[in-house]
Protein backbone atom coordinates (compact mmCIF):
# COMPACT_ATOMS: atom_id res chain seq x y z
CA UNK A 1 43.71 212.42 -16.01
CA UNK A 2 43.51 209.17 -14.05
CA UNK A 3 46.59 208.67 -11.86
CA UNK A 4 48.77 205.63 -12.30
CA UNK A 5 47.98 202.80 -9.89
CA UNK A 6 50.61 201.89 -7.32
CA UNK A 7 53.28 199.48 -8.44
CA UNK A 8 52.51 196.00 -7.10
CA UNK A 9 54.42 195.42 -3.91
CA UNK A 10 54.79 199.11 -2.99
CA UNK A 11 51.52 199.06 -1.04
CA UNK A 12 52.54 196.02 0.96
CA UNK A 13 55.62 197.43 2.66
CA UNK A 14 55.99 196.94 6.39
CA UNK A 15 55.00 199.70 8.76
CA UNK A 16 58.54 200.96 9.22
CA UNK A 17 58.99 201.55 5.48
CA UNK A 18 56.62 204.45 5.05
CA UNK A 19 53.12 203.08 5.75
CA UNK A 20 51.33 204.68 8.68
CA UNK A 21 50.75 202.30 11.60
CA UNK A 22 47.26 200.82 11.46
CA UNK A 23 46.65 202.02 7.90
CA UNK A 24 44.46 199.91 5.64
CA UNK A 25 46.60 198.65 2.75
CA UNK A 26 45.91 197.18 -0.69
CA UNK A 27 47.30 193.88 0.54
CA UNK A 28 44.54 193.71 3.15
CA UNK A 29 41.86 194.78 0.68
CA UNK A 30 42.73 192.12 -1.89
CA UNK A 31 42.59 189.19 0.57
CA UNK A 32 45.22 187.14 -1.23
CA UNK A 33 46.34 183.61 -0.48
CA UNK A 34 49.73 182.87 1.09
CA UNK A 35 51.58 182.39 -2.22
CA UNK A 36 50.18 185.49 -3.92
CA UNK A 37 50.69 187.50 -0.74
CA UNK A 38 54.36 186.47 -0.77
CA UNK A 39 54.74 187.43 -4.43
CA UNK A 40 53.09 190.82 -3.83
CA UNK A 41 55.39 191.48 -0.89
CA UNK A 42 58.42 190.42 -2.97
CA UNK A 43 57.81 191.62 -6.56
CA UNK A 44 61.43 190.96 -7.58
CA UNK A 45 60.85 187.26 -7.03
CA UNK A 46 57.98 187.36 -9.52
CA UNK A 47 60.16 189.28 -11.99
CA UNK A 48 62.88 186.65 -11.71
CA UNK A 49 60.36 183.86 -12.32
CA UNK A 50 59.04 185.61 -15.44
CA UNK A 51 62.55 186.15 -16.82
CA UNK A 52 63.66 182.56 -16.18
CA UNK A 53 60.49 181.05 -17.69
CA UNK A 54 60.76 183.27 -20.76
CA UNK A 55 64.45 182.50 -21.25
CA UNK A 56 63.84 178.74 -21.06
CA UNK A 57 60.94 178.91 -23.52
CA UNK A 58 62.90 181.19 -25.85
CA UNK A 59 65.95 178.91 -25.98
CA UNK A 60 63.74 175.88 -26.54
CA UNK A 61 62.03 177.76 -29.37
CA UNK A 62 65.40 178.61 -30.96
CA UNK A 63 66.59 175.01 -30.79
CA UNK A 64 63.29 173.67 -32.11
CA UNK A 65 63.18 176.13 -35.00
CA UNK A 66 66.79 175.44 -35.95
CA UNK A 67 66.19 171.70 -35.87
CA UNK A 68 63.12 171.99 -38.07
CA UNK A 69 65.01 174.09 -40.59
CA UNK A 70 67.87 171.60 -40.70
CA UNK A 71 65.49 168.68 -41.11
CA UNK A 72 63.67 170.44 -43.94
CA UNK A 73 66.84 170.97 -45.92
CA UNK A 74 66.17 174.65 -46.41
CA UNK A 75 69.73 175.62 -45.45
CA UNK A 76 71.37 172.84 -47.50
CA UNK A 77 74.17 172.10 -45.03
CA UNK A 78 75.18 175.76 -44.80
CA UNK A 79 77.02 175.88 -41.46
CA UNK A 80 77.39 179.62 -41.64
CA UNK A 81 73.64 180.15 -42.07
CA UNK A 82 72.90 177.75 -39.22
CA UNK A 83 75.35 179.58 -36.98
CA UNK A 84 73.78 182.92 -37.88
CA UNK A 85 70.31 181.55 -37.13
CA UNK A 86 71.42 180.21 -33.74
CA UNK A 87 73.34 183.36 -32.84
CA UNK A 88 70.40 185.59 -33.73
CA UNK A 89 67.92 183.45 -31.78
CA UNK A 90 70.05 183.09 -28.66
CA UNK A 91 71.23 186.71 -28.69
CA UNK A 92 67.77 188.23 -29.05
CA UNK A 93 66.40 185.84 -26.40
CA UNK A 94 69.06 186.80 -23.84
CA UNK A 95 68.69 190.52 -24.55
CA UNK A 96 64.89 190.27 -24.31
CA UNK A 97 65.17 188.47 -20.96
CA UNK A 98 67.50 191.19 -19.69
CA UNK A 99 65.05 193.87 -20.84
CA UNK A 100 62.14 192.17 -19.03
CA UNK A 101 63.96 192.69 -15.72
CA UNK A 102 63.11 196.42 -15.99
CA UNK A 103 59.51 196.06 -17.15
CA UNK A 104 58.10 197.45 -13.86
CA UNK A 105 60.36 200.50 -13.75
CA UNK A 106 60.11 201.52 -17.42
CA UNK A 107 57.49 199.43 -19.24
CA UNK A 108 57.23 201.69 -22.31
CA UNK A 109 61.00 201.78 -22.83
CA UNK A 110 61.25 198.02 -22.34
CA UNK A 111 58.48 197.38 -24.87
CA UNK A 112 60.20 199.65 -27.38
CA UNK A 113 63.48 197.77 -26.88
CA UNK A 114 61.69 194.45 -27.37
CA UNK A 115 60.19 195.77 -30.60
CA UNK A 116 63.68 196.65 -31.84
CA UNK A 117 64.87 193.12 -31.02
CA UNK A 118 61.86 191.69 -32.85
CA UNK A 119 62.70 193.76 -35.94
CA UNK A 120 66.31 192.54 -35.82
CA UNK A 121 65.18 188.93 -35.50
CA UNK A 122 62.78 189.26 -38.44
CA UNK A 123 65.31 190.90 -40.71
CA UNK A 124 68.03 188.35 -39.92
CA UNK A 125 66.16 185.06 -39.52
CA UNK A 126 62.66 185.81 -40.73
CA UNK A 127 61.08 184.62 -37.47
CA UNK A 128 60.15 186.09 -34.08
CA UNK A 129 60.79 182.95 -32.09
CA UNK A 130 59.60 183.63 -28.53
CA UNK A 131 59.85 187.41 -28.88
CA UNK A 132 56.09 187.61 -29.35
CA UNK A 133 55.80 186.34 -25.75
CA UNK A 134 58.28 188.99 -24.59
CA UNK A 135 56.31 191.69 -26.42
CA UNK A 136 53.14 190.46 -24.71
CA UNK A 137 54.83 190.72 -21.27
CA UNK A 138 56.05 194.23 -22.03
CA UNK A 139 52.67 195.43 -23.31
CA UNK A 140 50.94 193.88 -20.29
CA UNK A 141 53.23 195.90 -18.01
CA UNK A 142 52.40 199.08 -19.94
CA UNK A 143 48.63 198.48 -19.77
CA UNK A 144 48.77 197.54 -16.08
CA UNK A 145 50.68 200.63 -14.96
CA UNK A 146 49.99 203.38 -17.49
CA UNK A 147 46.85 205.19 -18.75
CA UNK A 148 44.88 203.55 -21.59
CA UNK A 149 46.05 206.19 -24.07
CA UNK A 150 49.69 205.25 -23.49
CA UNK A 151 48.91 201.54 -23.67
CA UNK A 152 47.07 201.81 -26.99
CA UNK A 153 49.76 204.03 -28.52
CA UNK A 154 52.41 201.51 -27.46
CA UNK A 155 50.34 198.69 -28.91
CA UNK A 156 49.85 200.49 -32.21
CA UNK A 157 53.51 201.44 -32.51
CA UNK A 158 54.66 197.90 -31.75
CA UNK A 159 52.33 196.33 -34.30
CA UNK A 160 53.30 198.87 -36.95
CA UNK A 161 57.05 198.36 -36.48
CA UNK A 162 56.96 194.56 -36.26
CA UNK A 163 54.50 194.12 -39.15
CA UNK A 164 56.56 196.52 -41.26
CA UNK A 165 59.73 194.54 -40.55
CA UNK A 166 57.98 191.35 -41.58
CA UNK A 167 56.81 192.94 -44.81
CA UNK A 168 60.37 194.15 -45.55
CA UNK A 169 61.78 190.67 -44.91
CA UNK A 170 59.13 189.12 -47.18
CA UNK A 171 59.99 191.57 -50.00
CA UNK A 172 63.77 191.34 -49.62
CA UNK A 173 65.82 188.33 -50.74
CA UNK A 174 67.67 187.63 -47.50
CA UNK A 175 67.63 183.83 -47.87
CA UNK A 176 70.45 181.58 -48.93
CA UNK A 177 70.47 181.37 -52.77
CA UNK A 178 71.69 177.79 -52.58
CA UNK A 179 68.66 176.49 -50.61
CA UNK A 180 67.42 173.24 -52.07
CA UNK A 181 63.70 172.56 -51.73
CA UNK A 182 62.72 168.92 -52.09
CA UNK A 183 59.77 168.51 -54.44
CA UNK A 184 57.28 165.64 -54.84
CA UNK A 185 58.83 164.74 -58.22
CA UNK A 186 61.99 163.59 -56.45
CA UNK A 187 61.58 159.81 -56.11
CA UNK A 188 63.13 159.77 -52.65
CA UNK A 189 61.70 163.08 -51.55
CA UNK A 190 58.98 164.14 -49.18
CA UNK A 191 56.21 166.70 -49.32
CA UNK A 192 57.35 170.34 -49.47
CA UNK A 193 58.05 171.97 -46.13
CA UNK A 194 56.64 175.30 -47.22
CA UNK A 195 52.92 174.66 -47.73
CA UNK A 196 52.10 178.39 -47.93
CA UNK A 197 53.47 181.35 -49.79
CA UNK A 198 55.66 183.90 -47.94
CA UNK A 199 52.83 186.45 -48.07
CA UNK A 200 50.38 184.02 -46.48
CA UNK A 201 52.92 183.14 -43.83
CA UNK A 202 53.46 186.83 -43.07
CA UNK A 203 49.70 187.43 -42.73
CA UNK A 204 49.30 184.46 -40.40
CA UNK A 205 52.23 185.49 -38.18
CA UNK A 206 51.04 189.10 -38.03
CA UNK A 207 47.50 187.99 -37.13
CA UNK A 208 48.85 185.71 -34.41
CA UNK A 209 50.96 188.53 -32.97
CA UNK A 210 47.95 190.86 -33.08
CA UNK A 211 45.82 188.40 -31.11
CA UNK A 212 48.55 187.79 -28.52
CA UNK A 213 49.16 191.52 -27.96
CA UNK A 214 45.43 192.28 -27.75
CA UNK A 215 45.01 189.61 -25.09
CA UNK A 216 47.96 191.04 -23.13
CA UNK A 217 46.56 194.56 -23.50
CA UNK A 218 43.12 193.47 -22.27
CA UNK A 219 44.50 191.63 -19.26
CA UNK A 220 46.78 194.53 -18.33
CA UNK A 221 43.93 197.05 -18.61
CA UNK A 222 41.71 194.87 -16.43
CA UNK A 223 44.45 194.56 -13.82
CA UNK A 224 44.99 198.33 -13.83
CA UNK A 225 41.27 199.01 -13.36
CA UNK A 226 41.15 196.59 -10.45
CA UNK A 227 44.19 198.21 -8.85
CA UNK A 228 42.65 201.65 -9.21
CA UNK A 229 39.43 200.40 -7.64
CA UNK A 230 41.29 198.82 -4.73
CA UNK A 231 43.46 201.93 -4.30
CA UNK A 232 40.34 204.09 -4.19
CA UNK A 233 38.79 201.73 -1.65
CA UNK A 234 41.93 201.87 0.47
CA UNK A 235 42.06 205.68 0.27
CA UNK A 236 38.41 206.06 1.25
CA UNK A 237 38.81 203.61 4.12
CA UNK A 238 41.89 205.42 5.41
CA UNK A 239 40.15 208.78 4.96
CA UNK A 240 37.24 207.53 7.08
CA UNK A 241 39.72 206.26 9.67
CA UNK A 242 41.51 209.63 9.71
CA UNK A 243 38.19 211.42 10.07
CA UNK A 244 37.20 209.11 12.91
CA UNK A 245 40.52 209.72 14.65
CA UNK A 246 40.14 213.46 14.15
CA UNK A 247 36.64 213.36 15.64
CA UNK A 248 37.99 211.39 18.58
CA UNK A 249 40.76 213.95 19.11
CA UNK A 250 38.25 216.79 18.96
CA UNK A 251 36.00 214.97 21.42
CA UNK A 252 38.93 214.45 23.79
CA UNK A 253 39.90 218.11 23.47
CA UNK A 254 36.31 219.18 24.17
CA UNK A 255 36.18 216.88 27.18
CA UNK A 256 39.47 218.25 28.49
CA UNK A 257 38.11 221.78 28.09
CA UNK A 258 34.93 220.81 29.89
CA UNK A 259 36.86 219.20 32.74
CA UNK A 260 39.17 222.22 32.96
CA UNK A 261 36.14 224.49 33.20
CA UNK A 262 34.63 222.37 35.97
CA UNK A 263 37.95 222.26 37.79
CA UNK A 264 38.13 226.04 37.56
CA UNK A 265 34.61 226.39 38.90
CA UNK A 266 35.30 224.07 41.82
CA UNK A 267 38.75 225.41 42.69
CA UNK A 268 38.23 229.11 42.00
CA UNK A 269 34.88 229.45 43.72
CA UNK A 270 35.54 227.26 46.72
CA UNK A 271 39.14 228.30 47.36
CA UNK A 272 38.24 231.99 47.09
CA UNK A 273 35.51 231.54 49.70
CA UNK A 274 37.77 229.42 51.90
CA UNK A 275 40.54 232.04 51.84
CA UNK A 276 38.08 234.77 52.78
CA UNK A 277 36.63 232.63 55.59
CA UNK A 278 40.05 231.78 56.98
CA UNK A 279 41.08 235.44 56.91
CA UNK A 280 37.86 236.41 58.70
CA UNK A 281 38.26 233.68 61.31
CA UNK A 282 41.85 234.75 61.96
CA UNK A 283 40.81 238.38 62.40
CA UNK A 284 37.89 237.53 64.74
CA UNK A 285 39.69 234.86 66.76
CA UNK A 286 40.58 237.11 69.73
CA UNK A 287 37.74 239.62 69.78
CA UNK A 288 34.85 237.34 68.73
CA UNK A 289 35.53 233.63 69.23
CA UNK A 290 31.95 232.70 68.35
CA UNK A 291 32.17 234.48 64.99
CA UNK A 292 35.53 232.84 64.35
CA UNK A 293 34.06 229.42 65.19
CA UNK A 294 31.16 230.05 62.79
CA UNK A 295 33.60 231.06 60.05
CA UNK A 296 35.66 227.92 60.65
CA UNK A 297 32.55 225.74 60.48
CA UNK A 298 31.61 227.37 57.19
CA UNK A 299 35.20 226.93 56.01
CA UNK A 300 35.01 223.21 56.79
CA UNK A 301 31.67 222.87 55.03
CA UNK A 302 32.94 224.69 51.96
CA UNK A 303 36.06 222.50 51.88
CA UNK A 304 34.00 219.32 52.07
CA UNK A 305 31.78 220.52 49.24
CA UNK A 306 34.82 221.37 47.13
CA UNK A 307 36.34 217.97 47.88
CA UNK A 308 33.14 216.21 46.80
CA UNK A 309 33.07 218.18 43.56
CA UNK A 310 36.73 217.39 42.92
CA UNK A 311 36.09 213.68 43.44
CA UNK A 312 33.19 213.85 41.02
CA UNK A 313 35.38 215.43 38.33
CA UNK A 314 38.29 213.05 38.94
CA UNK A 315 35.86 210.13 38.85
CA UNK A 316 35.15 210.94 35.22
CA UNK A 317 38.89 210.99 34.48
CA UNK A 318 39.18 207.51 36.05
CA UNK A 319 36.40 206.19 33.82
CA UNK A 320 33.75 205.95 36.54
CA UNK A 321 30.10 206.53 35.80
CA UNK A 322 29.80 209.44 38.20
CA UNK A 323 28.31 212.57 36.60
CA UNK A 324 30.87 215.21 35.67
CA UNK A 325 28.81 218.11 36.96
CA UNK A 326 26.94 218.49 40.26
CA UNK A 327 23.16 218.49 39.96
CA UNK A 328 21.95 221.65 41.72
CA UNK A 329 18.44 222.02 43.04
CA UNK A 330 16.21 225.08 43.19
CA UNK A 331 17.50 225.98 46.65
CA UNK A 332 21.20 225.80 45.76
CA UNK A 333 21.33 229.45 44.74
CA UNK A 334 20.38 230.44 48.27
CA UNK A 335 23.20 228.28 49.60
CA UNK A 336 25.67 229.94 47.24
CA UNK A 337 24.59 233.39 48.41
CA UNK A 338 24.81 232.39 52.09
CA UNK A 339 28.30 230.97 51.59
CA UNK A 340 29.55 234.22 50.10
CA UNK A 341 27.85 236.21 52.86
CA UNK A 342 29.67 234.09 55.42
CA UNK A 343 32.91 234.91 53.59
CA UNK A 344 32.27 238.61 54.22
CA UNK A 345 30.70 239.63 50.91
CA UNK A 346 27.65 241.88 51.48
CA UNK A 347 25.30 240.11 49.09
CA UNK A 348 21.72 241.34 48.61
CA UNK A 349 19.62 239.02 46.50
CA UNK A 350 16.20 239.09 45.00
CA UNK A 351 14.31 236.68 42.81
CA UNK A 352 16.17 233.60 44.03
CA UNK A 353 12.85 231.80 44.28
CA UNK A 354 12.04 232.46 40.64
CA UNK A 355 11.07 229.08 39.09
CA UNK A 356 13.67 227.97 36.58
CA UNK A 357 13.19 225.54 33.69
CA UNK A 358 13.26 221.89 34.75
CA UNK A 359 16.27 221.14 32.55
CA UNK A 360 19.13 220.25 34.88
CA UNK A 361 21.86 221.67 32.67
CA UNK A 362 20.00 224.98 32.46
CA UNK A 363 19.83 225.20 36.25
CA UNK A 364 23.50 224.26 36.44
CA UNK A 365 24.35 227.11 34.05
CA UNK A 366 22.48 229.62 36.26
CA UNK A 367 24.14 228.16 39.36
CA UNK A 368 27.64 228.44 37.87
CA UNK A 369 27.09 231.93 36.47
CA UNK A 370 25.93 233.31 39.82
CA UNK A 371 28.80 231.61 41.65
CA UNK A 372 31.37 232.88 39.15
CA UNK A 373 30.08 236.45 39.30
CA UNK A 374 30.16 236.44 43.12
CA UNK A 375 33.65 234.89 43.07
CA UNK A 376 34.88 237.72 40.87
CA UNK A 377 33.30 240.27 43.22
CA UNK A 378 34.92 238.67 46.27
CA UNK A 379 38.30 238.47 44.55
CA UNK A 380 38.41 241.81 42.75
CA UNK A 381 36.24 244.06 44.94
CA UNK A 382 37.10 243.13 48.54
CA UNK A 383 36.05 246.54 49.85
CA UNK A 384 32.63 246.70 48.22
CA UNK A 385 29.70 247.82 50.35
CA UNK A 386 27.03 245.90 48.49
CA UNK A 387 26.67 243.22 45.83
CA UNK A 388 23.27 242.88 44.22
CA UNK A 389 22.14 239.55 42.74
CA UNK A 390 18.97 239.85 40.67
CA UNK A 391 17.33 236.78 39.09
CA UNK A 392 14.24 237.27 36.97
CA UNK A 393 12.31 235.35 34.34
CA UNK A 394 10.32 236.69 31.42
CA UNK A 395 8.27 234.90 28.80
CA UNK A 396 11.36 234.46 26.64
CA UNK A 397 14.41 234.31 28.88
CA UNK A 398 15.94 234.01 32.31
CA UNK A 399 18.08 237.02 33.22
CA UNK A 400 20.84 237.07 35.84
CA UNK A 401 22.38 240.35 36.96
CA UNK A 402 25.18 240.77 39.50
CA UNK A 403 26.35 244.32 40.34
CA UNK A 404 28.92 245.36 42.95
CA UNK A 405 29.77 248.84 44.20
CA UNK A 406 33.44 248.25 44.86
CA UNK A 407 36.43 249.42 42.85
CA UNK A 408 36.79 246.57 40.37
CA UNK A 409 39.79 245.68 38.29
CA UNK A 410 39.86 243.68 35.06
CA UNK A 411 39.95 239.99 35.84
CA UNK A 412 43.45 239.42 34.43
CA UNK A 413 44.90 242.39 36.38
CA UNK A 414 44.05 240.79 39.73
CA UNK A 415 45.88 237.58 39.13
CA UNK A 416 43.10 235.64 37.41
CA UNK A 417 43.48 233.74 34.17
CA UNK A 418 40.33 235.19 32.62
CA UNK A 419 38.61 231.79 32.56
CA UNK A 420 35.62 233.01 34.58
CA UNK A 421 34.10 235.28 31.96
CA UNK A 422 35.04 232.81 29.22
CA UNK A 423 33.24 230.04 31.10
CA UNK A 424 30.14 232.21 31.58
CA UNK A 425 30.05 233.05 27.88
CA UNK A 426 30.45 229.39 26.92
CA UNK A 427 27.61 228.32 29.20
CA UNK A 428 25.36 231.07 27.89
CA UNK A 429 26.24 230.27 24.28
CA UNK A 430 24.92 226.72 24.72
CA UNK A 431 21.41 228.19 25.04
CA UNK A 432 21.92 231.00 22.57
CA UNK A 433 22.36 233.48 25.40
CA UNK A 434 24.59 236.49 25.87
CA UNK A 435 26.89 237.84 28.59
CA UNK A 436 27.42 241.56 29.07
CA UNK A 437 30.18 242.39 31.57
CA UNK A 438 31.80 245.74 32.27
CA UNK A 439 32.41 248.55 34.76
CA UNK A 440 29.64 250.76 36.09
CA UNK A 441 29.75 254.55 36.20
CA UNK A 442 30.63 254.46 39.93
CA UNK A 443 33.61 252.16 39.53
CA UNK A 444 31.81 248.94 40.27
CA UNK A 445 31.32 245.94 38.03
CA UNK A 446 28.19 244.61 36.38
CA UNK A 447 27.51 241.19 34.86
CA UNK A 448 24.27 240.72 32.95
CA UNK A 449 23.44 237.31 31.47
CA UNK A 450 20.44 236.47 29.30
CA UNK A 451 19.52 232.80 28.79
CA UNK A 452 16.64 232.24 26.32
CA UNK A 453 14.03 229.72 27.42
CA UNK A 454 10.39 228.84 26.83
CA UNK A 455 7.62 230.69 28.62
CA UNK A 456 6.25 229.04 31.80
CA UNK A 457 3.47 226.58 30.97
CA UNK A 458 1.99 226.14 34.48
CA UNK A 459 0.60 228.86 36.72
CA UNK A 460 2.93 227.80 39.54
CA UNK A 461 5.91 228.42 37.29
CA UNK A 462 5.13 232.11 36.92
CA UNK A 463 6.85 234.60 39.28
CA UNK A 464 4.51 235.63 42.07
CA UNK A 465 4.18 238.69 44.23
CA UNK A 466 5.53 236.69 47.16
CA UNK A 467 8.94 236.30 45.60
CA UNK A 468 11.60 238.08 47.61
CA UNK A 469 12.19 241.26 45.64
CA UNK A 470 15.22 242.44 47.62
CA UNK A 471 16.48 245.97 47.34
CA UNK A 472 16.03 247.56 43.94
CA UNK A 473 19.24 248.46 42.12
CA UNK A 474 20.31 252.06 41.91
CA UNK A 475 19.79 253.19 38.29
CA UNK A 476 23.04 255.12 38.51
CA UNK A 477 24.93 251.85 38.96
CA UNK A 478 23.78 250.53 35.60
CA UNK A 479 25.94 251.77 32.73
CA UNK A 480 24.17 253.64 30.01
């Protein structure tokens, strides 16, 4: 069932009255002129204009009809009949005007009340006066705000009741028996006032009412269809706006997550190394000043690198065009390993010279995964005797494996927030890869990452025998 269109004026309320800020409204869609915009914003003003215009026309119709009847001599100086005619006309006109005030709130009820007034007017005076105009206004309101089925039922009921009342009046002798009709035979007379029979007059009045109500019904239906179309347009426009806003919120959330991940990578990796370097420099300050100086130099270098990365991330937050992520080269993995070695982590690496795909984001993922795995080893296995980093490439994937021999704890148990493994899994998922992390049989910790990629297309891209193999991992360290 088609929903009722919004009542005119309800869609044009100010923002504070229930319309969402920035929402597209029917008033904007219709592009009305100043006068019509004012009337839509203030529907009660339009209602008052309709009531006043109808009341003026109705009273003029009553006075005109009464004057014509008196001039025709139909009432034969019957003051009582004239008073009844005036009272009926004025009373029904005032009541009809009062009913039209509520045509927006209850159009069907108002139309039914107008039909009752029309029946009363027909049975008392034999004429509708201006009530046909009131019935047209009521039926228009029904057609403009209710489904077609309701409008047509109201139209049919109104025509049936009013036409039936006219037929009853035509069949019942309700006229003054003393009416004197002037005939042409009267030497001083004029032509008869009644040029048609009562039946013909009833047919003509019924046909006229039928035409008027059909026109009102057609206009009201057209207005309702237009309102429904505009309401649908407004709803679709606002739905698109809501979807756009939702997409923007999701994009902002994704960007915040991305920035948080980069902040974690910069802070967690660099600060962990810096803490280890400072502890080592403090311990070696008295017994090995040269080693302490080397550790302090590495600490300074690591701090500068972390500061540069932080500025790069914050530059994105400030709207600058600086890239969010650092762009690592092929040799950056060696620098990562050396930095952790300087921090006291016994790292043994092999395959660091393995050619990686040229895609920068792929190399960044490998860079971050290796750094995160070594950070976890430095943080959670400070007493480990060896950490193995193994990088290898097959025809279908690049594999990264980091295994330590220390006594590892779950990430969250050592004070971490668990973002490291989550970040590794997110980076691997971008390429359809997997992350397998867990303890080894000797109490260490193993991280194995597989990143699918295309097979090398150039001979120089294939791993060669000259690649630093490093020490082979102990099979017992790899969990079954």
